[in-house]
Amino acid sequence: VALCGLGGLGSHIALTLARAGVGKLILL
């Protein structure tokens, strides 16, 4: 999953997906 923007939305989304065990995150 690619996250475009890592502010209020992106940082929260990333934490949730990480905890769910998504394999790879692209952080932009």
PDB file of all heavy atoms in Angstrom:
ATOM      1  N   VAL A   1       0.850  -1.186   0.000  1.00  0.00           N
ATOM      2  CA  VAL A   1       0.000   0.000   0.000  1.00  0.00           C
ATOM      3  C   VAL A   1       0.890   1.241   0.000  1.00  0.00           C
ATOM      4  O   VAL A   1       1.835   1.332   0.785  1.00  0.00           O
ATOM      5  CB  VAL A   1      -0.936   0.024   1.220  1.00  0.00           C
ATOM      6  CG1 VAL A   1      -1.790   1.294   1.221  1.00  0.00           C
ATOM      7  CG2 VAL A   1      -1.824  -1.215   1.236  1.00  0.00           C
ATOM      8  N   ALA A   2       0.574   2.182  -0.889  1.00  0.00           N
ATOM      9  CA  ALA A   2       1.295   3.456  -0.948  1.00  0.00           C
ATOM     10  C   ALA A   2       0.495   4.519  -0.226  1.00  0.00           C
ATOM     11  O   ALA A   2      -0.709   4.680  -0.466  1.00  0.00           O
ATOM     12  CB  ALA A   2       1.519   3.875  -2.396  1.00  0.00           C
ATOM     13  N   LEU A   3       1.161   5.250   0.658  1.00  0.00           N
ATOM     14  CA  LEU A   3       0.543   6.348   1.397  1.00  0.00           C
ATOM     15  C   LEU A   3       1.131   7.659   0.894  1.00  0.00           C
ATOM     16  O   LEU A   3       2.322   7.922   1.085  1.00  0.00           O
ATOM     17  CB  LEU A   3       0.793   6.187   2.889  1.00  0.00           C
ATOM     18  CG  LEU A   3       0.117   4.964   3.505  1.00  0.00           C
ATOM     19  CD1 LEU A   3       0.742   4.598   4.832  1.00  0.00           C
ATOM     20  CD2 LEU A   3      -1.362   5.222   3.680  1.00  0.00           C
ATOM     21  N   CYS A   4       0.299   8.464   0.267  1.00  0.00           N
ATOM     22  CA  CYS A   4       0.735   9.734  -0.311  1.00  0.00           C
ATOM     23  C   CYS A   4       0.310  10.856   0.621  1.00  0.00           C
ATOM     24  O   CYS A   4      -0.848  11.265   0.651  1.00  0.00           O
ATOM     25  CB  CYS A   4       0.122   9.921  -1.691  1.00  0.00           C
ATOM     26  SG  CYS A   4       0.543   8.603  -2.841  1.00  0.00           S
ATOM     27  N   GLY A   5       1.253  11.338   1.408  1.00  0.00           N
ATOM     28  CA  GLY A   5       0.983  12.293   2.466  1.00  0.00           C
ATOM     29  C   GLY A   5       0.979  11.577   3.802  1.00  0.00           C
ATOM     30  O   GLY A   5       0.278  10.575   3.978  1.00  0.00           O
ATOM     31  N   LEU A   6       1.778  12.082   4.749  1.00  0.00           N
ATOM     32  CA  LEU A   6       1.971  11.387   6.025  1.00  0.00           C
ATOM     33  C   LEU A   6       1.634  12.281   7.204  1.00  0.00           C
ATOM     34  O   LEU A   6       2.274  12.232   8.254  1.00  0.00           O
ATOM     35  CB  LEU A   6       3.415  10.876   6.129  1.00  0.00           C
ATOM     36  CG  LEU A   6       3.868   9.965   4.984  1.00  0.00           C
ATOM     37  CD1 LEU A   6       5.344   9.626   5.130  1.00  0.00           C
ATOM     38  CD2 LEU A   6       3.027   8.690   4.927  1.00  0.00           C
ATOM     39  N   GLY A   7       0.588  13.102   7.034  1.00  0.00           N
ATOM     40  CA  GLY A   7       0.145  13.975   8.108  1.00  0.00           C
ATOM     41  C   GLY A   7      -0.895  13.294   8.969  1.00  0.00           C
ATOM     42  O   GLY A   7      -0.766  12.123   9.328  1.00  0.00           O
ATOM     43  N   GLY A   8      -1.964  14.042   9.311  1.00  0.00           N
ATOM     44  CA  GLY A   8      -2.986  13.500  10.186  1.00  0.00           C
ATOM     45  C   GLY A   8      -3.643  12.255   9.622  1.00  0.00           C
ATOM     46  O   GLY A   8      -3.900  11.290  10.351  1.00  0.00           O
ATOM     47  N   LEU A   9      -3.939  12.253   8.344  1.00  0.00           N
ATOM     48  CA  LEU A   9      -4.529  11.077   7.711  1.00  0.00           C
ATOM     49  C   LEU A   9      -3.492   9.973   7.530  1.00  0.00           C
ATOM     50  O   LEU A   9      -3.656   8.851   8.006  1.00  0.00           O
ATOM     51  CB  LEU A   9      -5.141  11.447   6.359  1.00  0.00           C
ATOM     52  CG  LEU A   9      -6.392  12.316   6.368  1.00  0.00           C
ATOM     53  CD1 LEU A   9      -6.742  12.734   4.947  1.00  0.00           C
ATOM     54  CD2 LEU A   9      -7.557  11.596   7.022  1.00  0.00           C
ATOM     55  N   GLY A  10      -2.434  10.292   6.808  1.00  0.00           N
ATOM     56  CA  GLY A  10      -1.478   9.264   6.422  1.00  0.00           C
ATOM     57  C   GLY A  10      -0.796   8.570   7.582  1.00  0.00           C
ATOM     58  O   GLY A  10      -0.604   7.343   7.556  1.00  0.00           O
ATOM     59  N   SER A  11      -0.448   9.323   8.635  1.00  0.00           N
ATOM     60  CA  SER A  11       0.237   8.689   9.762  1.00  0.00           C
ATOM     61  C   SER A  11      -0.700   7.745  10.511  1.00  0.00           C
ATOM     62  O   SER A  11      -0.287   6.669  10.962  1.00  0.00           O
ATOM     63  CB  SER A  11       0.825   9.745  10.701  1.00  0.00           C
ATOM     64  OG  SER A  11      -0.172  10.580  11.264  1.00  0.00           O
ATOM     65  N   HIS A  12      -1.985   8.120  10.636  1.00  0.00           N
ATOM     66  CA  HIS A  12      -2.954   7.233  11.271  1.00  0.00           C
ATOM     67  C   HIS A  12      -3.219   5.987  10.416  1.00  0.00           C
ATOM     68  O   HIS A  12      -3.289   4.869  10.942  1.00  0.00           O
ATOM     69  CB  HIS A  12      -4.283   7.962  11.492  1.00  0.00           C
ATOM     70  CG  HIS A  12      -4.308   8.827  12.707  1.00  0.00           C
ATOM     71  ND1 HIS A  12      -3.807  10.098  12.711  1.00  0.00           N
ATOM     72  CD2 HIS A  12      -4.773   8.600  13.954  1.00  0.00           C
ATOM     73  CE1 HIS A  12      -3.973  10.632  13.916  1.00  0.00           C
ATOM     74  NE2 HIS A  12      -4.553   9.745  14.685  1.00  0.00           N
ATOM     75  N   ILE A  13      -3.385   6.191   9.114  1.00  0.00           N
ATOM     76  CA  ILE A  13      -3.618   5.050   8.216  1.00  0.00           C
ATOM     77  C   ILE A  13      -2.462   4.062   8.305  1.00  0.00           C
ATOM     78  O   ILE A  13      -2.660   2.848   8.401  1.00  0.00           O
ATOM     79  CB  ILE A  13      -3.805   5.523   6.770  1.00  0.00           C
ATOM     80  CG1 ILE A  13      -5.051   6.406   6.634  1.00  0.00           C
ATOM     81  CG2 ILE A  13      -3.910   4.333   5.815  1.00  0.00           C
ATOM     82  CD1 ILE A  13      -5.119   7.164   5.324  1.00  0.00           C
ATOM     83  N   ALA A  14      -1.248   4.581   8.281  1.00  0.00           N
ATOM     84  CA  ALA A  14      -0.064   3.729   8.301  1.00  0.00           C
ATOM     85  C   ALA A  14      -0.005   2.869   9.559  1.00  0.00           C
ATOM     86  O   ALA A  14       0.291   1.664   9.493  1.00  0.00           O
ATOM     87  CB  ALA A  14       1.195   4.586   8.193  1.00  0.00           C
ATOM     88  N   LEU A  15      -0.296   3.477  10.718  1.00  0.00           N
ATOM     89  CA  LEU A  15      -0.258   2.713  11.968  1.00  0.00           C
ATOM     90  C   LEU A  15      -1.288   1.579  11.952  1.00  0.00           C
ATOM     91  O   LEU A  15      -1.010   0.461  12.381  1.00  0.00           O
ATOM     92  CB  LEU A  15      -0.512   3.645  13.147  1.00  0.00           C
ATOM     93  CG  LEU A  15       0.703   4.211  13.887  1.00  0.00           C
ATOM     94  CD1 LEU A  15       1.435   3.145  14.673  1.00  0.00           C
ATOM     95  CD2 LEU A  15       1.648   4.933  12.941  1.00  0.00           C
ATOM     96  N   THR A  16      -2.482   1.874  11.450  1.00  0.00           N
ATOM     97  CA  THR A  16      -3.530   0.863  11.406  1.00  0.00           C
ATOM     98  C   THR A  16      -3.154  -0.286  10.483  1.00  0.00           C
ATOM     99  O   THR A  16      -3.326  -1.464  10.825  1.00  0.00           O
ATOM    100  CB  THR A  16      -4.855   1.490  10.945  1.00  0.00           C
ATOM    101  OG1 THR A  16      -5.231   2.525  11.856  1.00  0.00           O
ATOM    102  CG2 THR A  16      -5.964   0.449  10.886  1.00  0.00           C
ATOM    103  N   LEU A  17      -2.633   0.037   9.304  1.00  0.00           N
ATOM    104  CA  LEU A  17      -2.256  -1.017   8.358  1.00  0.00           C
ATOM    105  C   LEU A  17      -1.075  -1.833   8.871  1.00  0.00           C
ATOM    106  O   LEU A  17      -1.014  -3.051   8.654  1.00  0.00           O
ATOM    107  CB  LEU A  17      -1.942  -0.401   6.998  1.00  0.00           C
ATOM    108  CG  LEU A  17      -3.099   0.335   6.309  1.00  0.00           C
ATOM    109  CD1 LEU A  17      -2.661   0.854   4.944  1.00  0.00           C
ATOM    110  CD2 LEU A  17      -4.338  -0.550   6.176  1.00  0.00           C
ATOM    111  N   ALA A  18      -0.157  -1.179   9.561  1.00  0.00           N
ATOM    112  CA  ALA A  18       0.976  -1.897  10.138  1.00  0.00           C
ATOM    113  C   ALA A  18       0.504  -2.897  11.185  1.00  0.00           C
ATOM    114  O   ALA A  18       0.960  -4.041  11.240  1.00  0.00           O
ATOM    115  CB  ALA A  18       1.967  -0.912  10.749  1.00  0.00           C
ATOM    116  N   ARG A  19      -0.436  -2.477  12.019  1.00  0.00           N
ATOM    117  CA  ARG A  19      -0.946  -3.362  13.064  1.00  0.00           C
ATOM    118  C   ARG A  19      -1.759  -4.518  12.465  1.00  0.00           C
ATOM    119  O   ARG A  19      -1.818  -5.600  13.043  1.00  0.00           O
ATOM    120  CB  ARG A  19      -1.798  -2.572  14.061  1.00  0.00           C
ATOM    121  CG  ARG A  19      -0.999  -1.581  14.883  1.00  0.00           C
ATOM    122  CD  ARG A  19      -1.836  -0.945  15.977  1.00  0.00           C
ATOM    123  NE  ARG A  19      -1.127   0.131  16.649  1.00  0.00           N
ATOM    124  CZ  ARG A  19      -0.193  -0.016  17.572  1.00  0.00           C
ATOM    125  NH1 ARG A  19       0.167  -1.249  17.943  1.00  0.00           N
ATOM    126  NH2 ARG A  19       0.386   1.022  18.135  1.00  0.00           N
ATOM    127  N   ALA A  20      -2.385  -4.270  11.322  1.00  0.00           N
ATOM    128  CA  ALA A  20      -3.170  -5.318  10.667  1.00  0.00           C
ATOM    129  C   ALA A  20      -2.296  -6.329   9.938  1.00  0.00           C
ATOM    130  O   ALA A  20      -2.796  -7.361   9.488  1.00  0.00           O
ATOM    131  CB  ALA A  20      -4.154  -4.692   9.678  1.00  0.00           C
ATOM    132  N   GLY A  21      -1.000  -6.031   9.799  1.00  0.00           N
ATOM    133  CA  GLY A  21      -0.110  -6.982   9.154  1.00  0.00           C
ATOM    134  C   GLY A  21      -0.026  -6.861   7.655  1.00  0.00           C
ATOM    135  O   GLY A  21       0.347  -7.821   6.968  1.00  0.00           O
ATOM    136  N   VAL A  22      -0.370  -5.676   7.104  1.00  0.00           N
ATOM    137  CA  VAL A  22      -0.130  -5.451   5.679  1.00  0.00           C
ATOM    138  C   VAL A  22       1.370  -5.601   5.419  1.00  0.00           C
ATOM    139  O   VAL A  22       2.201  -5.123   6.200  1.00  0.00           O
ATOM    140  CB  VAL A  22      -0.632  -4.060   5.258  1.00  0.00           C
ATOM    141  CG1 VAL A  22      -0.162  -3.701   3.862  1.00  0.00           C
ATOM    142  CG2 VAL A  22      -2.162  -4.021   5.331  1.00  0.00           C
ATOM    143  N   GLY A  23       1.712  -6.254   4.307  1.00  0.00           N
ATOM    144  CA  GLY A  23       3.101  -6.656   4.103  1.00  0.00           C
ATOM    145  C   GLY A  23       4.089  -5.534   3.890  1.00  0.00           C
ATOM    146  O   GLY A  23       5.197  -5.554   4.430  1.00  0.00           O
ATOM    147  N   LYS A  24       3.711  -4.523   3.086  1.00  0.00           N
ATOM    148  CA  LYS A  24       4.653  -3.455   2.747  1.00  0.00           C
ATOM    149  C   LYS A  24       3.912  -2.129   2.626  1.00  0.00           C
ATOM    150  O   LYS A  24       2.826  -2.060   2.055  1.00  0.00           O
ATOM    151  CB  LYS A  24       5.371  -3.767   1.434  1.00  0.00           C
ATOM    152  CG  LYS A  24       6.389  -2.713   1.022  1.00  0.00           C
ATOM    153  CD  LYS A  24       7.126  -3.113  -0.258  1.00  0.00           C
ATOM    154  CE  LYS A  24       8.142  -2.052  -0.668  1.00  0.00           C
ATOM    155  NZ  LYS A  24       8.886  -2.436  -1.893  1.00  0.00           N
ATOM    156  N   LEU A  25       4.541  -1.083   3.141  1.00  0.00           N
ATOM    157  CA  LEU A  25       4.022   0.269   3.015  1.00  0.00           C
ATOM    158  C   LEU A  25       5.054   1.150   2.319  1.00  0.00           C
ATOM    159  O   LEU A  25       6.229   1.165   2.697  1.00  0.00           O
ATOM    160  CB  LEU A  25       3.692   0.866   4.384  1.00  0.00           C
ATOM    161  CG  LEU A  25       2.619   0.162   5.214  1.00  0.00           C
ATOM    162  CD1 LEU A  25       2.430   0.885   6.546  1.00  0.00           C
ATOM    163  CD2 LEU A  25       1.300   0.081   4.465  1.00  0.00           C
ATOM    164  N   ILE A  26       4.601   1.883   1.308  1.00  0.00           N
ATOM    165  CA  ILE A  26       5.421   2.900   0.640  1.00  0.00           C
ATOM    166  C   ILE A  26       5.015   4.239   1.243  1.00  0.00           C
ATOM    167  O   ILE A  26       3.852   4.636   1.159  1.00  0.00           O
ATOM    168  CB  ILE A  26       5.183   2.889  -0.878  1.00  0.00           C
ATOM    169  CG1 ILE A  26       5.512   1.525  -1.466  1.00  0.00           C
ATOM    170  CG2 ILE A  26       6.011   3.983  -1.560  1.00  0.00           C
ATOM    171  CD1 ILE A  26       5.083   1.369  -2.930  1.00  0.00           C
ATOM    172  N   LEU A  27       5.953   4.925   1.876  1.00  0.00           N
ATOM    173  CA  LEU A  27       5.680   6.167   2.615  1.00  0.00           C
ATOM    174  C   LEU A  27       6.226   7.351   1.831  1.00  0.00           C
ATOM    175  O   LEU A  27       7.448   7.470   1.655  1.00  0.00           O
ATOM    176  CB  LEU A  27       6.329   6.118   3.998  1.00  0.00           C
ATOM    177  CG  LEU A  27       6.025   4.880   4.851  1.00  0.00           C
ATOM    178  CD1 LEU A  27       6.826   4.929   6.142  1.00  0.00           C
ATOM    179  CD2 LEU A  27       4.537   4.772   5.143  1.00  0.00           C
ATOM    180  N   LEU A  28       5.334   8.239   1.383  1.00  0.00           N
ATOM    181  CA  LEU A  28       5.735   9.330   0.490  1.00  0.00           C
ATOM    182  C   LEU A  28       5.335  10.676   1.085  1.00  0.00           C
ATOM    183  O   LEU A  28       4.150  10.976   1.247  1.00  0.00           O
ATOM    184  CB  LEU A  28       5.072   9.156  -0.880  1.00  0.00           C
ATOM    185  CG  LEU A  28       5.329   7.814  -1.579  1.00  0.00           C
ATOM    186  CD1 LEU A  28       4.467   7.696  -2.827  1.00  0.00           C
ATOM    187  CD2 LEU A  28       6.804   7.662  -1.925  1.00  0.00           C
TER     188      LEU A  28
END
